[in-house]
Amino acid sequence: MSQYINKIDVIAEIEKRIQELHPTNTHKIQVGEKMDRDVLMWLNALTWVKKILNTIEVKEVNLDKEIDKWIEDWTCNGYCSASIAETAEYFFELGLKSQKGE
């Protein structure tokens, strides 16, 4: 599923951009420090997005285990009786449950 991006990689990229904008960034503006308004706005936006990403829970699903479970539920003497539609529906519902955290 290559269309998904690893959350850790996104956060690392955000950190890299924050350091490019303000290399000595400690995420706090020092008293008396002058900073370009646009840079400050970018720093705030990147920090905000990073905080949002850190609140998202990523649930791992063992796809091999789920496939084995599905095969056990739908086989009869080695013959798979499930249709493609039933297969798609099963894994679609698995994805929905995963998103809900079930």
N, C-alpha and C. Protein backbone atom coordinates (compact mmCIF):
# COMPACT_ATOMS: atom_id res chain seq x y z
N MET A 1 0.84 -1.18 0.00
CA MET A 1 0.00 0.00 0.00
C MET A 1 0.89 1.24 0.00
N SER A 2 1.51 1.46 -1.12
CA SER A 2 2.51 2.51 -1.22
C SER A 2 1.93 3.92 -1.21
N GLN A 3 0.61 4.09 -1.29
CA GLN A 3 0.05 5.42 -1.29
C GLN A 3 0.04 6.04 0.11
N TYR A 4 0.32 5.25 1.13
CA TYR A 4 0.33 5.77 2.49
C TYR A 4 1.74 6.17 2.89
N ILE A 5 1.84 7.21 3.69
CA ILE A 5 3.13 7.73 4.13
C ILE A 5 3.30 7.40 5.61
N ASN A 6 4.49 6.98 5.96
CA ASN A 6 4.80 6.67 7.35
C ASN A 6 4.76 7.96 8.17
N LYS A 7 3.98 7.95 9.25
CA LYS A 7 3.82 9.13 10.10
C LYS A 7 5.16 9.64 10.62
N ILE A 8 6.05 8.74 11.00
CA ILE A 8 7.36 9.13 11.53
C ILE A 8 8.16 9.88 10.48
N ASP A 9 8.05 9.46 9.21
CA ASP A 9 8.77 10.14 8.14
C ASP A 9 8.24 11.55 7.92
N VAL A 10 6.93 11.72 8.01
CA VAL A 10 6.33 13.06 7.84
C VAL A 10 6.79 13.98 8.96
N ILE A 11 6.77 13.49 10.19
CA ILE A 11 7.19 14.31 11.32
C ILE A 11 8.67 14.68 11.20
N ALA A 12 9.49 13.74 10.75
CA ALA A 12 10.91 14.02 10.55
C ALA A 12 11.11 15.10 9.48
N GLU A 13 10.32 15.05 8.43
CA GLU A 13 10.41 16.06 7.36
C GLU A 13 9.98 17.42 7.88
N ILE A 14 8.95 17.46 8.71
CA ILE A 14 8.51 18.73 9.31
C ILE A 14 9.62 19.29 10.18
N GLU A 15 10.25 18.44 10.99
CA GLU A 15 11.37 18.89 11.84
C GLU A 15 12.50 19.46 11.00
N LYS A 16 12.78 18.81 9.89
CA LYS A 16 13.83 19.28 8.99
C LYS A 16 13.50 20.67 8.46
N ARG A 17 12.25 20.88 8.08
CA ARG A 17 11.82 22.20 7.58
C ARG A 17 11.88 23.26 8.67
N ILE A 18 11.52 22.88 9.88
CA ILE A 18 11.59 23.82 11.00
C ILE A 18 13.04 24.25 11.22
N GLN A 19 13.96 23.31 11.17
CA GLN A 19 15.38 23.63 11.36
C GLN A 19 15.93 24.47 10.21
N GLU A 20 15.41 24.27 9.00
CA GLU A 20 15.83 25.10 7.86
C GLU A 20 15.38 26.54 8.06
N LEU A 21 14.20 26.73 8.61
CA LEU A 21 13.69 28.08 8.83
C LEU A 21 14.41 28.79 9.97
N HIS A 22 14.73 28.05 11.00
CA HIS A 22 15.33 28.64 12.20
C HIS A 22 16.28 27.61 12.82
N PRO A 23 17.54 27.54 12.31
CA PRO A 23 18.46 26.47 12.71
C PRO A 23 18.68 26.29 14.20
N THR A 24 18.56 27.34 14.97
CA THR A 24 18.77 27.20 16.41
C THR A 24 17.45 27.05 17.13
N ASN A 25 16.45 26.64 16.41
CA ASN A 25 15.09 26.58 16.95
C ASN A 25 14.99 25.64 18.14
N THR A 26 14.51 26.18 19.24
CA THR A 26 14.20 25.38 20.41
C THR A 26 12.68 25.36 20.61
N HIS A 27 11.96 25.79 19.57
CA HIS A 27 10.51 25.92 19.58
C HIS A 27 10.05 27.02 20.53
N LYS A 28 10.99 27.88 20.93
CA LYS A 28 10.64 29.03 21.76
C LYS A 28 11.41 30.23 21.23
N ILE A 29 10.72 31.32 21.09
CA ILE A 29 11.37 32.55 20.67
C ILE A 29 12.02 33.18 21.90
N GLN A 30 13.30 33.54 21.75
CA GLN A 30 14.03 34.14 22.85
C GLN A 30 13.63 35.61 23.01
N VAL A 31 13.67 36.10 24.23
CA VAL A 31 13.33 37.48 24.51
C VAL A 31 14.29 38.38 23.74
N GLY A 32 13.75 39.35 23.04
CA GLY A 32 14.56 40.29 22.27
C GLY A 32 14.95 39.77 20.90
N GLU A 33 14.62 38.53 20.60
CA GLU A 33 14.98 37.98 19.29
C GLU A 33 14.05 38.52 18.22
N LYS A 34 14.64 39.00 17.15
CA LYS A 34 13.83 39.51 16.05
C LYS A 34 13.72 38.43 15.00
N MET A 35 12.50 38.24 14.53
CA MET A 35 12.27 37.21 13.54
C MET A 35 11.31 37.74 12.49
N ASP A 36 11.60 37.43 11.25
CA ASP A 36 10.72 37.80 10.15
C ASP A 36 9.32 37.23 10.41
N ARG A 37 8.31 38.04 10.17
CA ARG A 37 6.93 37.63 10.44
C ARG A 37 6.55 36.38 9.65
N ASP A 38 6.98 36.30 8.40
CA ASP A 38 6.65 35.13 7.58
C ASP A 38 7.30 33.86 8.13
N VAL A 39 8.54 33.97 8.59
CA VAL A 39 9.23 32.82 9.17
C VAL A 39 8.50 32.37 10.43
N LEU A 40 8.11 33.32 11.26
CA LEU A 40 7.38 32.99 12.48
C LEU A 40 6.05 32.29 12.16
N MET A 41 5.37 32.77 11.13
CA MET A 41 4.10 32.14 10.75
C MET A 41 4.34 30.70 10.27
N TRP A 42 5.38 30.47 9.48
CA TRP A 42 5.70 29.11 9.02
C TRP A 42 6.07 28.20 10.19
N LEU A 43 6.87 28.73 11.11
CA LEU A 43 7.25 27.93 12.28
C LEU A 43 6.01 27.53 13.08
N ASN A 44 5.10 28.47 13.29
CA ASN A 44 3.87 28.16 14.02
C ASN A 44 3.03 27.13 13.27
N ALA A 45 2.91 27.28 11.95
CA ALA A 45 2.10 26.35 11.16
C ALA A 45 2.70 24.95 11.18
N LEU A 46 4.01 24.84 11.00
CA LEU A 46 4.65 23.53 10.99
C LEU A 46 4.55 22.85 12.36
N THR A 47 4.73 23.63 13.41
CA THR A 47 4.62 23.09 14.77
C THR A 47 3.19 22.62 15.03
N TRP A 48 2.21 23.36 14.55
CA TRP A 48 0.80 23.00 14.71
C TRP A 48 0.50 21.69 13.99
N VAL A 49 0.97 21.56 12.74
CA VAL A 49 0.73 20.33 11.97
C VAL A 49 1.40 19.15 12.67
N LYS A 50 2.61 19.35 13.18
CA LYS A 50 3.32 18.28 13.88
C LYS A 50 2.54 17.82 15.11
N LYS A 51 1.97 18.75 15.84
CA LYS A 51 1.17 18.38 17.01
C LYS A 51 -0.07 17.58 16.61
N ILE A 52 -0.70 17.97 15.51
CA ILE A 52 -1.87 17.23 15.03
C ILE A 52 -1.48 15.81 14.66
N LEU A 53 -0.38 15.65 13.93
CA LEU A 53 0.07 14.31 13.53
C LEU A 53 0.39 13.45 14.74
N ASN A 54 0.93 14.05 15.78
CA ASN A 54 1.28 13.29 16.98
C ASN A 54 0.05 12.82 17.76
N THR A 55 -1.12 13.41 17.46
CA THR A 55 -2.34 12.96 18.15
C THR A 55 -3.01 11.80 17.42
N ILE A 56 -2.59 11.52 16.18
CA ILE A 56 -3.20 10.45 15.40
C ILE A 56 -2.62 9.11 15.82
N GLU A 57 -3.51 8.19 16.17
CA GLU A 57 -3.08 6.86 16.56
C GLU A 57 -3.02 5.98 15.32
N VAL A 58 -1.91 5.31 15.15
CA VAL A 58 -1.73 4.42 14.01
C VAL A 58 -1.89 2.99 14.51
N LYS A 59 -2.87 2.29 13.94
CA LYS A 59 -3.12 0.91 14.35
C LYS A 59 -2.57 -0.02 13.29
N GLU A 60 -1.73 -0.92 13.71
CA GLU A 60 -1.17 -1.91 12.81
C GLU A 60 -2.14 -3.08 12.66
N VAL A 61 -2.25 -3.59 11.46
CA VAL A 61 -3.08 -4.75 11.18
C VAL A 61 -2.17 -5.82 10.59
N ASN A 62 -2.25 -7.02 11.14
CA ASN A 62 -1.47 -8.14 10.62
C ASN A 62 -2.26 -8.73 9.45
N LEU A 63 -1.92 -8.29 8.24
CA LEU A 63 -2.69 -8.69 7.07
C LEU A 63 -2.59 -10.18 6.80
N ASP A 64 -1.41 -10.77 7.02
CA ASP A 64 -1.27 -12.22 6.81
C ASP A 64 -2.23 -13.00 7.72
N LYS A 65 -2.31 -12.57 8.98
CA LYS A 65 -3.21 -13.23 9.93
C LYS A 65 -4.66 -13.08 9.49
N GLU A 66 -5.02 -11.88 9.02
CA GLU A 66 -6.40 -11.64 8.58
C GLU A 66 -6.73 -12.45 7.34
N ILE A 67 -5.78 -12.59 6.43
CA ILE A 67 -6.01 -13.41 5.23
C ILE A 67 -6.21 -14.86 5.62
N ASP A 68 -5.35 -15.37 6.53
CA ASP A 68 -5.51 -16.75 7.00
C ASP A 68 -6.87 -16.96 7.66
N LYS A 69 -7.29 -16.00 8.48
CA LYS A 69 -8.59 -16.09 9.15
C LYS A 69 -9.71 -16.11 8.12
N TRP A 70 -9.59 -15.26 7.12
CA TRP A 70 -10.61 -15.20 6.08
C TRP A 70 -10.69 -16.52 5.31
N ILE A 71 -9.53 -17.08 4.98
CA ILE A 71 -9.50 -18.35 4.24
C ILE A 71 -10.15 -19.46 5.07
N GLU A 72 -9.85 -19.49 6.38
CA GLU A 72 -10.47 -20.51 7.25
C GLU A 72 -11.99 -20.36 7.29
N ASP A 73 -12.46 -19.13 7.32
CA ASP A 73 -13.91 -18.89 7.38
C ASP A 73 -14.62 -19.25 6.09
N TRP A 74 -13.94 -19.17 4.97
CA TRP A 74 -14.60 -19.32 3.68
C TRP A 74 -14.19 -20.55 2.88
N THR A 75 -13.45 -21.47 3.47
CA THR A 75 -13.05 -22.65 2.71
C THR A 75 -13.88 -23.86 3.08
N CYS A 76 -13.98 -24.75 2.14
CA CYS A 76 -14.71 -26.00 2.35
C CYS A 76 -13.93 -27.09 1.62
N ASN A 77 -13.20 -27.91 2.39
CA ASN A 77 -12.38 -28.98 1.82
C ASN A 77 -11.38 -28.46 0.78
N GLY A 78 -10.76 -27.35 1.09
CA GLY A 78 -9.73 -26.81 0.20
C GLY A 78 -10.27 -25.97 -0.94
N TYR A 79 -11.58 -25.88 -1.07
CA TYR A 79 -12.17 -25.08 -2.14
C TYR A 79 -12.71 -23.79 -1.55
N CYS A 80 -12.29 -22.67 -2.08
CA CYS A 80 -12.73 -21.37 -1.57
C CYS A 80 -14.09 -21.03 -2.17
N SER A 81 -15.06 -20.86 -1.31
CA SER A 81 -16.41 -20.61 -1.80
C SER A 81 -16.78 -19.13 -1.84
N ALA A 82 -15.87 -18.27 -1.40
CA ALA A 82 -16.18 -16.84 -1.37
C ALA A 82 -16.00 -16.22 -2.75
N SER A 83 -16.85 -15.32 -3.09
CA SER A 83 -16.73 -14.61 -4.36
C SER A 83 -15.79 -13.42 -4.19
N ILE A 84 -15.42 -12.83 -5.29
CA ILE A 84 -14.56 -11.64 -5.23
C ILE A 84 -15.26 -10.53 -4.46
N ALA A 85 -16.56 -10.38 -4.65
CA ALA A 85 -17.32 -9.34 -3.94
C ALA A 85 -17.29 -9.58 -2.44
N GLU A 86 -17.46 -10.84 -2.02
CA GLU A 86 -17.41 -11.15 -0.59
C GLU A 86 -16.02 -10.88 -0.02
N THR A 87 -15.01 -11.19 -0.80
CA THR A 87 -13.63 -10.94 -0.37
C THR A 87 -13.39 -9.45 -0.20
N ALA A 88 -13.79 -8.68 -1.19
CA ALA A 88 -13.60 -7.23 -1.13
C ALA A 88 -14.36 -6.63 0.05
N GLU A 89 -15.58 -7.10 0.27
CA GLU A 89 -16.40 -6.60 1.38
C GLU A 89 -15.74 -6.89 2.72
N TYR A 90 -15.20 -8.11 2.88
CA TYR A 90 -14.55 -8.48 4.13
C TYR A 90 -13.40 -7.54 4.45
N PHE A 91 -12.51 -7.31 3.48
CA PHE A 91 -11.34 -6.48 3.73
C PHE A 91 -11.69 -4.99 3.80
N PHE A 92 -12.75 -4.57 3.13
CA PHE A 92 -13.23 -3.20 3.27
C PHE A 92 -13.70 -2.96 4.70
N GLU A 93 -14.48 -3.90 5.22
CA GLU A 93 -14.96 -3.79 6.60
C GLU A 93 -13.81 -3.85 7.60
N LEU A 94 -12.80 -4.66 7.29
CA LEU A 94 -11.61 -4.72 8.16
C LEU A 94 -10.93 -3.35 8.20
N GLY A 95 -10.83 -2.68 7.06
CA GLY A 95 -10.24 -1.35 7.01
C GLY A 95 -11.04 -0.34 7.82
N LEU A 96 -12.37 -0.41 7.72
CA LEU A 96 -13.22 0.49 8.50
C LEU A 96 -13.05 0.27 9.99
N LYS A 97 -13.00 -1.01 10.39
CA LYS A 97 -12.81 -1.32 11.82
C LYS A 97 -11.46 -0.82 12.29
N SER A 98 -10.44 -0.95 11.44
CA SER A 98 -9.09 -0.50 11.79
C SER A 98 -9.07 1.01 12.01
N GLN A 99 -9.79 1.75 11.14
CA GLN A 99 -9.85 3.21 11.28
C GLN A 99 -10.55 3.62 12.57
N LYS A 100 -11.55 2.85 12.96
CA LYS A 100 -12.29 3.15 14.19
C LYS A 100 -11.56 2.70 15.43
N GLY A 101 -10.48 1.92 15.24
CA GLY A 101 -9.71 1.45 16.39
C GLY A 101 -10.24 0.18 17.00
N GLU A 102 -11.05 -0.55 16.29
CA GLU A 102 -11.63 -1.79 16.83
C GLU A 102 -10.67 -2.94 16.68
